[in-house]
Amino acid sequence: MEHVRAADPEIDGRLRAAVEARVVELDGGSDTDRAFIESTRNYLSYFTKVPEGD
């Protein structure tokens, strides 16, 4: 992710925006949809976390 972030500093925001756009499209959705969105948010949070010291 550090390499991607160096080439595209806005990647974190765009990834989060894509997830949130999908949430709006689902408009609540099924239990499966909500579980998937929660997992996606958690994974994205972990994936885009800036390492300490950077």
Protein backbone atom coordinates (compact mmCIF):
# COMPACT_ATOMS: atom_id res chain seq x y z
CA MET A 1 0.00 0.00 0.00
CA GLU A 2 2.89 2.36 0.67
CA HIS A 3 3.93 2.13 -2.99
CA VAL A 4 0.40 2.80 -4.18
CA ARG A 5 -0.01 5.69 -1.74
CA ALA A 6 3.27 7.22 -2.96
CA ALA A 7 2.05 7.10 -6.55
CA ASP A 8 -1.53 8.08 -5.72
CA PRO A 9 -1.90 10.00 -2.43
CA GLU A 10 -5.70 10.11 -2.82
CA ILE A 11 -6.18 6.33 -2.99
CA ASP A 12 -7.41 5.95 0.60
CA GLY A 13 -10.18 8.49 0.12
CA ARG A 14 -11.25 7.03 -3.21
CA LEU A 15 -11.45 3.51 -1.80
CA ARG A 16 -13.54 4.68 1.15
CA ALA A 17 -15.79 6.70 -1.17
CA ALA A 18 -16.37 3.63 -3.35
CA VAL A 19 -17.43 1.57 -0.33
CA GLU A 20 -19.74 4.30 0.94
CA ALA A 21 -21.28 4.73 -2.53
CA ARG A 22 -22.12 1.03 -2.48
CA VAL A 23 -23.70 1.41 0.96
CA VAL A 24 -25.99 4.10 -0.44
CA GLU A 25 -26.91 1.88 -3.41
CA LEU A 26 -27.85 -0.99 -1.09
CA ASP A 27 -30.08 1.27 1.03
CA GLY A 28 -29.95 -1.02 4.05
CA GLY A 29 -29.89 -4.24 2.08
CA SER A 30 -30.03 -7.73 3.46
CA ASP A 31 -28.21 -9.07 6.50
CA THR A 32 -25.60 -10.46 4.11
CA ASP A 33 -25.14 -7.06 2.47
CA ARG A 34 -24.70 -5.36 5.85
CA ALA A 35 -22.21 -8.00 7.01
CA PHE A 36 -20.24 -7.64 3.79
CA ILE A 37 -20.13 -3.85 4.10
CA GLU A 38 -18.99 -4.11 7.72
CA SER A 39 -16.25 -6.55 6.75
CA THR A 40 -15.23 -4.33 3.86
CA ARG A 41 -15.00 -1.27 6.08
CA ASN A 42 -12.92 -3.17 8.63
CA TYR A 43 -10.59 -4.56 5.98
CA LEU A 44 -10.24 -1.20 4.29
CA SER A 45 -9.45 0.45 7.61
CA TYR A 46 -6.70 -2.09 8.20
CA PHE A 47 -5.46 -1.96 4.60
CA THR A 48 -5.21 1.83 4.41
CA LYS A 49 -3.78 2.37 7.87
CA VAL A 50 -0.61 4.44 7.64
CA PRO A 51 2.23 2.62 9.41
CA GLU A 52 3.59 4.31 12.50
CA GLY A 53 6.63 6.45 11.86
CA ASP A 54 5.41 7.64 8.43
